N, C-alpha and C. Protein backbone atom coordinates (compact mmCIF):
# COMPACT_ATOMS: atom_id res chain seq x y z
N MET A 1 114.96 126.12 108.79
CA MET A 1 115.26 126.05 107.37
C MET A 1 114.08 125.43 106.64
N ASN A 2 113.72 125.99 105.54
CA ASN A 2 112.68 125.40 104.72
C ASN A 2 113.12 125.46 103.27
N ASN A 3 113.81 124.44 102.85
CA ASN A 3 114.29 124.36 101.48
C ASN A 3 113.33 123.45 100.71
N SER A 4 112.27 124.04 100.22
CA SER A 4 111.21 123.24 99.62
C SER A 4 111.65 122.51 98.35
N LYS A 5 112.59 123.07 97.59
CA LYS A 5 113.05 122.40 96.38
C LYS A 5 113.76 121.09 96.73
N PHE A 6 114.66 121.15 97.70
CA PHE A 6 115.35 119.93 98.12
C PHE A 6 114.35 118.92 98.67
N SER A 7 113.44 119.37 99.52
CA SER A 7 112.45 118.48 100.12
C SER A 7 111.62 117.79 99.05
N LEU A 8 111.23 118.53 98.05
CA LEU A 8 110.43 117.99 96.96
C LEU A 8 111.21 116.95 96.16
N VAL A 9 112.46 117.25 95.84
CA VAL A 9 113.30 116.32 95.08
C VAL A 9 113.52 115.04 95.89
N LEU A 10 113.79 115.19 97.17
CA LEU A 10 114.02 114.03 98.03
C LEU A 10 112.78 113.15 98.10
N ARG A 11 111.64 113.76 98.30
CA ARG A 11 110.39 113.00 98.38
C ARG A 11 110.10 112.32 97.04
N MET A 12 110.34 113.02 95.94
CA MET A 12 110.12 112.45 94.61
C MET A 12 111.00 111.21 94.41
N CYS A 13 112.24 111.29 94.82
CA CYS A 13 113.15 110.14 94.68
C CYS A 13 112.67 108.95 95.50
N ARG A 14 112.24 109.24 96.73
CA ARG A 14 111.76 108.16 97.60
C ARG A 14 110.50 107.52 97.02
N GLU A 15 109.57 108.33 96.58
CA GLU A 15 108.33 107.79 96.02
C GLU A 15 108.57 107.06 94.71
N ASN A 16 109.51 107.56 93.90
CA ASN A 16 109.86 106.89 92.65
C ASN A 16 110.44 105.51 92.91
N ALA A 17 111.13 105.38 94.04
CA ALA A 17 111.69 104.08 94.43
C ALA A 17 110.67 103.21 95.15
N ALA A 18 109.48 103.74 95.37
CA ALA A 18 108.39 103.03 96.06
C ALA A 18 108.82 102.57 97.45
N LEU A 19 109.50 103.47 98.16
CA LEU A 19 109.94 103.19 99.53
C LEU A 19 109.21 104.09 100.51
N THR A 20 109.07 103.60 101.73
CA THR A 20 108.50 104.43 102.79
C THR A 20 109.62 105.22 103.46
N GLN A 21 109.24 106.24 104.21
CA GLN A 21 110.24 106.99 104.96
C GLN A 21 110.97 106.06 105.92
N LYS A 22 110.27 105.13 106.52
CA LYS A 22 110.88 104.19 107.47
C LYS A 22 111.91 103.32 106.78
N GLN A 23 111.60 102.83 105.59
CA GLN A 23 112.56 102.00 104.86
C GLN A 23 113.84 102.78 104.55
N VAL A 24 113.69 104.02 104.12
CA VAL A 24 114.86 104.85 103.81
C VAL A 24 115.66 105.11 105.08
N ALA A 25 114.96 105.47 106.14
CA ALA A 25 115.64 105.75 107.41
C ALA A 25 116.38 104.52 107.92
N ASP A 26 115.75 103.36 107.85
CA ASP A 26 116.40 102.13 108.28
C ASP A 26 117.64 101.83 107.44
N ALA A 27 117.53 102.03 106.13
CA ALA A 27 118.67 101.78 105.23
C ALA A 27 119.83 102.70 105.54
N LEU A 28 119.53 103.92 105.99
CA LEU A 28 120.57 104.90 106.28
C LEU A 28 120.94 104.92 107.76
N ASN A 29 120.35 104.00 108.52
CA ASN A 29 120.65 103.86 109.95
C ASN A 29 120.36 105.15 110.72
N MET A 30 119.15 105.66 110.55
CA MET A 30 118.74 106.87 111.26
C MET A 30 117.29 106.72 111.70
N GLU A 31 116.86 107.60 112.54
CA GLU A 31 115.46 107.60 112.97
C GLU A 31 114.58 108.07 111.81
N ARG A 32 113.37 107.53 111.75
CA ARG A 32 112.44 107.96 110.71
C ARG A 32 112.16 109.45 110.81
N SER A 33 112.08 109.97 112.02
CA SER A 33 111.79 111.39 112.19
C SER A 33 112.90 112.28 111.62
N THR A 34 114.14 111.83 111.72
CA THR A 34 115.26 112.58 111.15
C THR A 34 115.10 112.68 109.64
N TYR A 35 114.79 111.54 109.02
CA TYR A 35 114.58 111.55 107.58
C TYR A 35 113.36 112.40 107.22
N ALA A 36 112.30 112.29 108.00
CA ALA A 36 111.08 113.07 107.74
C ALA A 36 111.38 114.57 107.81
N TYR A 37 112.27 114.97 108.69
CA TYR A 37 112.67 116.38 108.77
C TYR A 37 113.33 116.84 107.47
N TYR A 38 114.09 115.96 106.83
CA TYR A 38 114.70 116.30 105.54
C TYR A 38 113.62 116.55 104.50
N GLU A 39 112.64 115.65 104.46
CA GLU A 39 111.57 115.78 103.46
C GLU A 39 110.66 116.97 103.73
N SER A 40 110.52 117.34 104.99
CA SER A 40 109.62 118.45 105.32
C SER A 40 110.35 119.79 105.31
N GLY A 41 111.67 119.77 105.21
CA GLY A 41 112.43 121.01 105.17
C GLY A 41 112.77 121.57 106.54
N VAL A 42 112.50 120.82 107.60
CA VAL A 42 112.83 121.28 108.95
C VAL A 42 114.35 121.32 109.15
N SER A 43 115.05 120.34 108.57
CA SER A 43 116.51 120.31 108.63
C SER A 43 117.05 119.81 107.30
N HIS A 44 118.35 119.88 107.14
CA HIS A 44 118.96 119.38 105.90
C HIS A 44 120.06 118.39 106.23
N PRO A 45 120.33 117.47 105.32
CA PRO A 45 121.37 116.48 105.56
C PRO A 45 122.76 117.06 105.34
N SER A 46 123.74 116.38 105.88
CA SER A 46 125.13 116.76 105.65
C SER A 46 125.51 116.42 104.21
N GLY A 47 126.65 116.92 103.78
CA GLY A 47 127.14 116.59 102.44
C GLY A 47 127.35 115.10 102.28
N GLU A 48 127.85 114.47 103.33
CA GLU A 48 128.07 113.02 103.29
C GLU A 48 126.73 112.28 103.17
N MET A 49 125.72 112.75 103.88
CA MET A 49 124.40 112.11 103.81
C MET A 49 123.79 112.30 102.42
N ILE A 50 124.04 113.43 101.79
CA ILE A 50 123.54 113.63 100.43
C ILE A 50 124.14 112.59 99.49
N ILE A 51 125.41 112.27 99.68
CA ILE A 51 126.04 111.22 98.87
C ILE A 51 125.38 109.89 99.14
N ARG A 52 125.12 109.59 100.40
CA ARG A 52 124.47 108.32 100.74
C ARG A 52 123.06 108.25 100.15
N LEU A 53 122.34 109.37 100.21
CA LEU A 53 120.99 109.41 99.61
C LEU A 53 121.06 109.20 98.10
N SER A 54 122.02 109.84 97.44
CA SER A 54 122.13 109.70 95.99
C SER A 54 122.48 108.26 95.62
N ASN A 55 123.32 107.60 96.42
CA ASN A 55 123.64 106.20 96.15
C ASN A 55 122.42 105.31 96.37
N LEU A 56 121.68 105.58 97.44
CA LEU A 56 120.50 104.79 97.74
C LEU A 56 119.46 104.88 96.63
N PHE A 57 119.21 106.11 96.16
CA PHE A 57 118.19 106.31 95.14
C PHE A 57 118.73 106.16 93.72
N ASN A 58 120.04 105.90 93.61
CA ASN A 58 120.66 105.67 92.30
C ASN A 58 120.52 106.89 91.39
N VAL A 59 120.78 108.06 91.97
CA VAL A 59 120.74 109.31 91.21
C VAL A 59 122.06 110.04 91.38
N ASP A 60 122.37 110.92 90.48
CA ASP A 60 123.58 111.72 90.57
C ASP A 60 123.45 112.68 91.75
N TYR A 61 124.47 112.74 92.60
CA TYR A 61 124.42 113.60 93.79
C TYR A 61 124.21 115.07 93.43
N ARG A 62 124.60 115.46 92.22
CA ARG A 62 124.46 116.87 91.82
C ARG A 62 123.01 117.30 91.74
N MET A 63 122.11 116.33 91.51
CA MET A 63 120.69 116.67 91.50
C MET A 63 120.28 117.20 92.88
N PHE A 64 120.73 116.53 93.93
CA PHE A 64 120.43 116.99 95.29
C PHE A 64 121.15 118.31 95.59
N MET A 65 122.40 118.41 95.16
CA MET A 65 123.18 119.62 95.45
C MET A 65 122.55 120.84 94.77
N ASP A 66 122.08 120.67 93.55
CA ASP A 66 121.40 121.77 92.86
C ASP A 66 120.14 122.18 93.60
N ALA A 67 119.43 121.20 94.15
CA ALA A 67 118.20 121.50 94.88
C ALA A 67 118.47 122.15 96.22
N VAL A 68 119.60 121.82 96.84
CA VAL A 68 119.94 122.37 98.14
C VAL A 68 120.34 123.83 98.04
N GLY A 69 121.03 124.19 96.97
CA GLY A 69 121.43 125.58 96.79
C GLY A 69 122.70 125.94 97.52
N ASP A 70 122.68 127.03 98.25
CA ASP A 70 123.89 127.59 98.85
C ASP A 70 124.13 127.18 100.30
N LEU A 71 123.60 126.07 100.74
CA LEU A 71 123.82 125.65 102.12
C LEU A 71 125.28 125.28 102.34
N GLU A 72 125.75 125.51 103.54
CA GLU A 72 127.11 125.13 103.92
C GLU A 72 127.09 123.72 104.49
N PHE A 73 128.09 122.93 104.17
CA PHE A 73 128.17 121.56 104.65
C PHE A 73 129.44 121.35 105.44
N ASP A 74 129.36 120.44 106.42
CA ASP A 74 130.54 120.08 107.19
C ASP A 74 131.53 119.30 106.33
N LYS A 75 131.04 118.60 105.34
CA LYS A 75 131.88 117.81 104.46
C LYS A 75 131.33 117.95 103.04
N LYS A 76 132.12 118.45 102.15
CA LYS A 76 131.68 118.64 100.77
C LYS A 76 131.66 117.29 100.05
N PRO A 77 130.74 117.10 99.12
CA PRO A 77 130.68 115.85 98.37
C PRO A 77 131.98 115.55 97.62
N GLU A 78 132.70 116.59 97.24
CA GLU A 78 133.95 116.38 96.51
C GLU A 78 134.98 115.67 97.40
N ASP A 79 134.81 115.75 98.74
CA ASP A 79 135.74 115.14 99.68
C ASP A 79 135.35 113.70 100.01
N THR A 80 134.29 113.21 99.41
CA THR A 80 133.73 111.91 99.75
C THR A 80 133.74 110.99 98.54
N ASN A 81 133.98 109.71 98.78
CA ASN A 81 133.85 108.73 97.69
C ASN A 81 132.38 108.57 97.37
N PHE A 82 132.03 108.58 96.11
CA PHE A 82 130.64 108.44 95.72
C PHE A 82 130.54 107.88 94.32
N THR A 83 129.37 107.42 94.01
CA THR A 83 129.08 106.93 92.66
C THR A 83 128.49 108.09 91.87
N THR A 84 129.03 108.34 90.71
CA THR A 84 128.48 109.38 89.86
C THR A 84 128.00 108.75 88.56
N PHE A 85 127.05 109.35 87.92
CA PHE A 85 126.45 108.80 86.72
C PHE A 85 126.57 109.79 85.59
N SER A 86 126.73 109.26 84.39
CA SER A 86 126.73 110.14 83.24
C SER A 86 125.29 110.59 82.99
N ASP A 87 125.14 111.71 82.32
CA ASP A 87 123.81 112.27 82.09
C ASP A 87 122.89 111.32 81.32
N ASP A 88 123.46 110.47 80.43
CA ASP A 88 122.62 109.60 79.62
C ASP A 88 122.36 108.25 80.28
N SER A 89 122.82 108.05 81.50
CA SER A 89 122.66 106.73 82.12
C SER A 89 121.33 106.56 82.82
N TYR A 90 120.52 107.61 82.95
CA TYR A 90 119.26 107.51 83.68
C TYR A 90 118.35 106.44 83.11
N GLU A 91 118.22 106.41 81.80
CA GLU A 91 117.32 105.45 81.16
C GLU A 91 117.78 104.02 81.36
N GLN A 92 119.08 103.83 81.58
CA GLN A 92 119.61 102.48 81.71
C GLN A 92 119.47 101.94 83.13
N ARG A 93 119.13 102.77 84.09
CA ARG A 93 119.02 102.33 85.47
C ARG A 93 117.68 101.68 85.73
N GLU A 94 117.73 100.53 86.36
CA GLU A 94 116.50 99.82 86.69
C GLU A 94 115.84 100.49 87.88
N LYS A 95 114.54 100.58 87.85
CA LYS A 95 113.79 101.18 88.95
C LYS A 95 113.75 100.21 90.13
N LEU A 96 113.97 100.72 91.30
CA LEU A 96 113.99 99.91 92.50
C LEU A 96 112.67 99.19 92.71
N TYR A 97 111.55 99.86 92.41
CA TYR A 97 110.25 99.25 92.64
C TYR A 97 109.97 98.09 91.70
N ALA A 98 110.75 97.96 90.63
CA ALA A 98 110.54 96.87 89.68
C ALA A 98 111.17 95.56 90.16
N LEU A 99 111.91 95.63 91.24
CA LEU A 99 112.58 94.45 91.78
C LEU A 99 111.71 93.74 92.80
N LYS A 100 112.01 92.46 93.03
CA LYS A 100 111.34 91.72 94.10
C LYS A 100 111.78 92.30 95.44
N LYS A 101 111.01 92.04 96.48
CA LYS A 101 111.27 92.64 97.80
C LYS A 101 112.65 92.27 98.33
N ASP A 102 113.07 91.01 98.21
CA ASP A 102 114.39 90.63 98.71
C ASP A 102 115.50 91.30 97.89
N GLU A 103 115.27 91.47 96.59
CA GLU A 103 116.24 92.18 95.76
C GLU A 103 116.31 93.66 96.15
N GLN A 104 115.16 94.26 96.43
CA GLN A 104 115.14 95.65 96.89
C GLN A 104 115.94 95.81 98.18
N ASN A 105 115.68 94.93 99.14
CA ASN A 105 116.39 95.01 100.42
C ASN A 105 117.89 94.86 100.24
N PHE A 106 118.28 93.90 99.39
CA PHE A 106 119.71 93.70 99.14
C PHE A 106 120.32 94.94 98.50
N LEU A 107 119.65 95.47 97.49
CA LEU A 107 120.18 96.62 96.78
C LEU A 107 120.26 97.86 97.67
N ILE A 108 119.27 98.04 98.51
CA ILE A 108 119.29 99.17 99.46
C ILE A 108 120.51 99.05 100.37
N LEU A 109 120.72 97.86 100.92
CA LEU A 109 121.88 97.66 101.79
C LEU A 109 123.19 97.86 101.03
N TYR A 110 123.26 97.33 99.82
CA TYR A 110 124.47 97.46 99.01
C TYR A 110 124.78 98.93 98.71
N ARG A 111 123.76 99.68 98.34
CA ARG A 111 123.97 101.08 97.98
C ARG A 111 124.38 101.94 99.17
N THR A 112 124.08 101.51 100.37
CA THR A 112 124.46 102.30 101.54
C THR A 112 125.82 101.91 102.09
N CYS A 113 126.47 100.93 101.47
CA CYS A 113 127.83 100.54 101.88
C CYS A 113 128.86 101.52 101.33
N GLU A 114 129.99 101.57 102.02
CA GLU A 114 131.15 102.30 101.52
C GLU A 114 131.74 101.52 100.34
N PRO A 115 132.48 102.20 99.45
CA PRO A 115 133.02 101.51 98.26
C PRO A 115 133.83 100.24 98.56
N GLU A 116 134.66 100.27 99.61
CA GLU A 116 135.44 99.08 99.92
C GLU A 116 134.55 97.95 100.44
N GLN A 117 133.46 98.31 101.13
CA GLN A 117 132.51 97.29 101.59
C GLN A 117 131.77 96.69 100.39
N ARG A 118 131.46 97.52 99.41
CA ARG A 118 130.79 97.01 98.22
C ARG A 118 131.64 95.97 97.52
N GLU A 119 132.94 96.22 97.45
CA GLU A 119 133.85 95.28 96.82
C GLU A 119 133.84 93.95 97.57
N GLU A 120 133.82 94.00 98.90
CA GLU A 120 133.76 92.77 99.70
C GLU A 120 132.46 92.02 99.45
N VAL A 121 131.35 92.74 99.35
CA VAL A 121 130.05 92.11 99.09
C VAL A 121 130.08 91.40 97.74
N VAL A 122 130.59 92.07 96.72
CA VAL A 122 130.66 91.47 95.39
C VAL A 122 131.54 90.22 95.42
N ASN A 123 132.69 90.30 96.10
CA ASN A 123 133.58 89.14 96.19
C ASN A 123 132.90 87.98 96.90
N LEU A 124 132.17 88.27 97.96
CA LEU A 124 131.46 87.23 98.69
C LEU A 124 130.38 86.58 97.82
N LEU A 125 129.63 87.39 97.10
CA LEU A 125 128.60 86.85 96.21
C LEU A 125 129.22 86.00 95.10
N MET A 126 130.33 86.47 94.55
CA MET A 126 131.01 85.70 93.51
C MET A 126 131.47 84.35 94.07
N SER A 127 131.94 84.35 95.30
CA SER A 127 132.37 83.11 95.95
C SER A 127 131.20 82.14 96.08
N PHE A 128 130.04 82.63 96.55
CA PHE A 128 128.84 81.80 96.65
C PHE A 128 128.42 81.29 95.28
N HIS A 129 128.43 82.17 94.32
CA HIS A 129 128.02 81.81 92.96
C HIS A 129 128.93 80.71 92.40
N ASN A 130 130.23 80.86 92.57
CA ASN A 130 131.18 79.88 92.05
C ASN A 130 131.04 78.54 92.77
N GLN A 131 130.78 78.58 94.09
CA GLN A 131 130.57 77.34 94.84
C GLN A 131 129.32 76.62 94.31
N ASN A 132 128.29 77.38 94.06
CA ASN A 132 127.03 76.82 93.57
C ASN A 132 127.22 76.18 92.20
N ARG A 133 127.94 76.86 91.34
CA ARG A 133 128.18 76.34 89.99
C ARG A 133 129.01 75.06 90.04
N SER A 134 130.04 75.04 90.89
CA SER A 134 130.90 73.86 90.95
C SER A 134 130.17 72.66 91.56
N SER A 135 129.27 72.91 92.51
CA SER A 135 128.52 71.80 93.11
C SER A 135 127.52 71.20 92.11
N LYS A 136 127.03 71.98 91.20
CA LYS A 136 126.08 71.49 90.18
C LYS A 136 126.79 70.65 89.12
N LYS A 137 128.09 70.86 88.93
CA LYS A 137 128.84 70.14 87.91
C LYS A 137 129.28 68.76 88.36
N LYS A 138 129.23 68.48 89.67
CA LYS A 138 129.68 67.18 90.18
C LYS A 138 128.72 66.09 89.69
N PRO A 139 129.29 65.02 89.16
CA PRO A 139 128.43 63.93 88.68
C PRO A 139 127.79 63.20 89.87
N ARG A 140 126.57 62.77 89.67
CA ARG A 140 125.86 62.04 90.71
C ARG A 140 126.37 60.60 90.77
N ALA A 141 126.45 60.10 91.96
CA ALA A 141 126.88 58.70 92.14
C ALA A 141 125.74 57.78 91.74
N LYS A 142 126.08 56.70 91.04
CA LYS A 142 125.07 55.73 90.62
C LYS A 142 124.79 54.78 91.77
N LYS A 143 123.54 54.40 91.91
CA LYS A 143 123.14 53.47 92.97
C LYS A 143 123.01 52.08 92.45
């Protein structure tokens, strides 16, 4: 298979995020060569992987689906939970490369989580945040 339009869109998304193929592959828990095959058009991702890629790159999954064309998938994106964006939300999205490295790593991991896992992550962060705020409010003991 050589779907050059999909390969081009995928590579553009990765480069726009200022990520290496290895970083993307690690975030998606796959071998770098598997991801490289997607970018080179040797193979194509499943419908579920397209959703994961769209979440990782913070783009609407339909952009990838339009680029893929008429390929058959084992699982259609409509059967999968995913994040979708309105057409006018592109300008409001922060670019991944504009973040600090630790923020990039956190966001990459967050975007590759399932929706219920994301909720747990947010709850855990809120718990840490609230603990931090309450510890700062405690008055210091006088010596």
